[in-house]
Amino acid sequence: MFNVKYTCKKYCYAVLVFVGLVLFSSCKKEVLPKPSGYLRLDYPVAEYAHFENKCPFAFEMNAKAIIKGEKDCGFTITYPKMKATIYLTYKPVNNNLNKLLRDAQKLTFEHVIKADDILEQPYLNTEKKVYGMFYQVDGNAATNSQFYLTDSTRHFLTGSVYFYAKPNFDSIMPAASYIKNDMQRLMETLEWK
């Protein structure tokens, strides 16, 4: 009745054709994992504006940042998109310059536990009588940049930047570099009244 030989032959050819199609259709280029990508953070080119009020100093700051006055000529300069703030603190010098210098240096070196390195860059502008130190703190410290400025007789100003994020230097490095440049511009343009 049934031709078993014919049915088996027909079935074997069908299976063979199906397996061949599957094998040939799966032959594509080898799939490779994509390389790790990095977040690209582009910030606008900094434009600077002159800042002056009743306090005994004036400077240039990033026009995109927001400055708010605090008590006793202290200021906060905020960068909302970067979640960062520069804190400026002013103190008059009254035979206490050594104490003010020690306090500013102590604040910086409290971060030595988390820091990989602390670079000190002296700043001298004898024409404007502005002297100080800029500290770049590398690593997962709470602050990445700090400075102090003085005329050594009447004025003393400190500044430090803090990010409102867990300190992970690799993640915040682009923003930290951007704000570091703004802090250095502030230092270079500072004038005592």
Protein backbone atom coordinates (compact mmCIF):
# COMPACT_ATOMS: atom_id res chain seq x y z
CA MET A 1 0.00 0.00 0.00
CA PHE A 2 2.46 2.63 1.08
CA ASN A 3 5.81 2.85 -0.44
CA VAL A 4 7.93 3.10 2.71
CA LYS A 5 11.09 3.60 0.76
CA TYR A 6 9.61 6.56 -1.14
CA THR A 7 8.10 8.23 1.99
CA CYS A 8 11.38 7.89 3.96
CA LYS A 9 13.38 9.26 1.04
CA LYS A 10 11.01 12.23 0.70
CA TYR A 11 11.12 12.88 4.45
CA CYS A 12 14.95 12.64 4.61
CA TYR A 13 15.31 15.15 1.74
CA ALA A 14 12.94 17.58 3.47
CA VAL A 15 14.89 17.37 6.73
CA LEU A 16 18.20 17.74 4.90
CA VAL A 17 16.95 20.82 3.00
CA PHE A 18 15.62 22.37 6.25
CA VAL A 19 18.91 21.77 8.12
CA GLY A 20 20.86 23.20 5.16
CA LEU A 21 18.70 26.34 5.09
CA VAL A 22 19.16 26.84 8.82
CA LEU A 23 22.93 26.45 8.54
CA PHE A 24 23.27 28.80 5.57
CA SER A 25 20.96 31.46 6.98
CA SER A 26 22.89 31.59 10.25
CA CYS A 27 26.20 32.28 8.53
CA LYS A 28 26.64 35.98 9.17
CA LYS A 29 29.50 38.08 10.41
CA GLU A 30 30.71 37.23 13.86
CA VAL A 31 28.92 39.29 16.50
CA LEU A 32 31.35 41.29 18.64
CA PRO A 33 30.53 43.17 21.82
CA LYS A 34 30.50 46.95 21.47
CA PRO A 35 33.39 48.81 23.06
CA SER A 36 32.70 50.69 26.26
CA GLY A 37 31.24 54.09 25.61
CA TYR A 38 31.92 57.23 27.58
CA LEU A 39 29.53 60.01 28.37
CA ARG A 40 30.44 63.11 26.40
CA LEU A 41 29.89 66.27 28.35
CA ASP A 42 30.13 69.45 26.32
CA TYR A 43 30.00 72.72 28.19
CA PRO A 44 29.60 76.12 26.57
CA VAL A 45 32.66 78.26 26.02
CA ALA A 46 33.05 80.35 29.16
CA GLU A 47 32.16 84.02 28.91
CA TYR A 48 33.22 86.16 31.83
CA ALA A 49 31.56 89.15 33.44
CA HIS A 50 32.96 91.65 35.92
CA PHE A 51 31.52 91.32 39.44
CA GLU A 52 31.71 94.13 41.96
CA ASN A 53 29.65 95.23 44.95
CA LYS A 54 30.27 96.88 48.34
CA CYS A 55 32.86 94.25 49.35
CA PRO A 56 36.58 95.16 49.28
CA PHE A 57 37.33 93.13 46.15
CA ALA A 58 36.17 92.66 42.55
CA PHE A 59 36.73 89.85 40.06
CA GLU A 60 35.53 88.23 36.85
CA MET A 61 33.29 85.18 36.95
CA ASN A 62 31.54 82.92 34.48
CA ALA A 63 28.48 84.75 33.14
CA LYS A 64 26.44 81.49 33.15
CA ALA A 65 27.01 80.90 36.88
CA ILE A 66 24.70 82.30 39.55
CA ILE A 67 26.23 84.32 42.37
CA LYS A 68 24.51 84.88 45.70
CA GLY A 69 25.76 87.03 48.52
CA GLU A 70 26.11 85.59 51.96
CA LYS A 71 27.03 87.40 55.17
CA ASP A 72 30.34 89.25 55.66
CA CYS A 73 31.28 89.38 51.95
CA GLY A 74 31.07 85.63 51.46
CA PHE A 75 29.53 84.33 48.25
CA THR A 76 28.30 81.19 46.59
CA ILE A 77 28.75 80.80 42.86
CA THR A 78 26.51 77.96 41.66
CA TYR A 79 26.59 75.93 38.47
CA PRO A 80 23.13 74.28 38.41
CA LYS A 81 23.75 72.07 35.35
CA MET A 82 26.95 70.70 36.86
CA LYS A 83 25.54 70.45 40.38
CA ALA A 84 28.50 72.36 41.77
CA THR A 85 29.10 75.41 43.96
CA ILE A 86 32.14 77.57 44.58
CA TYR A 87 32.17 78.92 48.14
CA LEU A 88 34.03 82.20 48.65
CA THR A 89 34.85 83.36 52.17
CA TYR A 90 36.33 86.76 52.96
CA LYS A 91 38.17 87.63 56.19
CA PRO A 92 39.89 90.89 57.07
CA VAL A 93 43.52 90.58 58.16
CA ASN A 94 44.07 91.92 61.69
CA ASN A 95 47.47 90.61 62.76
CA ASN A 96 46.09 87.10 62.13
CA LEU A 97 47.56 86.27 58.71
CA ASN A 98 49.44 83.20 59.98
CA LYS A 99 46.25 81.76 61.48
CA LEU A 100 44.28 82.43 58.28
CA LEU A 101 46.99 80.74 56.19
CA ARG A 102 47.10 77.73 58.53
CA ASP A 103 43.29 77.39 58.40
CA ALA A 104 43.23 77.56 54.59
CA GLN A 105 45.99 74.96 54.29
CA LYS A 106 44.39 72.74 56.92
CA LEU A 107 41.11 72.77 54.98
CA THR A 108 42.93 71.58 51.88
CA PHE A 109 45.01 68.89 53.54
CA GLU A 110 42.01 67.40 55.37
CA HIS A 111 41.26 65.78 52.01
CA VAL A 112 44.60 63.97 51.88
CA ILE A 113 42.94 60.73 53.07
CA LYS A 114 40.79 60.45 49.93
CA ALA A 115 43.06 62.37 47.55
CA ASP A 116 45.48 60.68 45.19
CA ASP A 117 47.56 63.84 44.89
CA ILE A 118 47.42 67.52 45.88
CA LEU A 119 49.15 69.91 43.50
CA GLU A 120 50.09 73.33 44.83
CA GLN A 121 50.39 76.22 42.38
CA PRO A 122 51.60 79.51 43.88
CA TYR A 123 50.03 82.69 42.53
CA LEU A 124 51.80 86.08 42.59
CA ASN A 125 50.61 89.33 41.07
CA THR A 126 52.84 92.01 42.57
CA GLU A 127 51.27 94.75 40.44
CA LYS A 128 47.82 94.20 41.99
CA LYS A 129 49.25 92.97 45.34
CA VAL A 130 47.46 89.64 45.08
CA TYR A 131 49.30 86.62 46.45
CA GLY A 132 48.02 83.14 47.06
CA MET A 133 47.96 79.44 46.35
CA PHE A 134 45.79 77.25 44.13
CA TYR A 135 45.32 73.62 45.16
CA GLN A 136 44.22 70.94 42.72
CA VAL A 137 43.05 67.85 44.59
CA ASP A 138 43.10 64.69 42.45
CA GLY A 139 41.11 61.65 43.48
CA ASN A 140 37.76 60.99 45.13
CA ALA A 141 37.94 63.90 47.58
CA ALA A 142 34.96 66.10 48.42
CA THR A 143 36.56 69.11 46.75
CA ASN A 144 38.73 69.16 43.62
CA SER A 145 39.98 72.76 43.69
CA GLN A 146 40.69 75.28 46.42
CA PHE A 147 42.55 78.55 46.68
CA TYR A 148 43.38 81.42 48.95
CA LEU A 149 44.33 84.99 48.05
CA THR A 150 45.64 87.83 50.18
CA ASP A 151 47.37 91.18 49.98
CA SER A 152 49.14 90.12 53.22
CA THR A 153 48.10 93.26 55.11
CA ARG A 154 44.32 93.79 54.98
CA HIS A 155 42.43 91.15 52.93
CA PHE A 156 42.13 87.35 52.82
CA LEU A 157 39.84 85.38 50.48
CA THR A 158 39.40 81.61 50.23
CA GLY A 159 37.50 79.60 47.65
CA SER A 160 36.62 75.93 47.22
CA VAL A 161 34.37 73.98 44.89
CA TYR A 162 32.01 71.21 45.98
CA PHE A 163 29.89 68.92 43.81
CA TYR A 164 26.49 67.66 44.92
CA ALA A 165 27.30 64.10 43.93
CA LYS A 166 29.25 61.20 45.32
CA PRO A 167 32.93 62.07 44.81
CA ASN A 168 33.97 59.97 41.83
CA PHE A 169 36.80 61.82 40.13
CA ASP A 170 36.44 60.04 36.78
CA SER A 171 32.77 60.99 36.48
CA ILE A 172 33.05 64.64 37.46
CA MET A 173 36.43 65.35 35.84
CA PRO A 174 35.03 67.31 32.83
CA ALA A 175 32.96 69.56 35.11
CA ALA A 176 35.81 69.85 37.61
CA SER A 177 38.20 70.97 34.85
CA TYR A 178 35.69 73.53 33.58
CA ILE A 179 35.16 75.03 37.03
CA LYS A 180 38.90 74.90 37.79
CA ASN A 181 39.45 77.21 34.82
CA ASP A 182 36.77 79.57 36.16
CA MET A 183 38.43 79.59 39.59
CA GLN A 184 41.80 80.39 38.07
CA ARG A 185 40.22 83.22 36.06
CA LEU A 186 38.69 84.57 39.29
CA MET A 187 42.15 84.51 40.90
CA GLU A 188 43.85 86.20 37.96
CA THR A 189 41.29 89.01 37.74
CA LEU A 190 40.84 89.67 41.48
CA GLU A 191 41.51 93.25 42.56
CA TRP A 192 41.45 94.67 46.07
CA LYS A 193 39.66 97.96 46.68
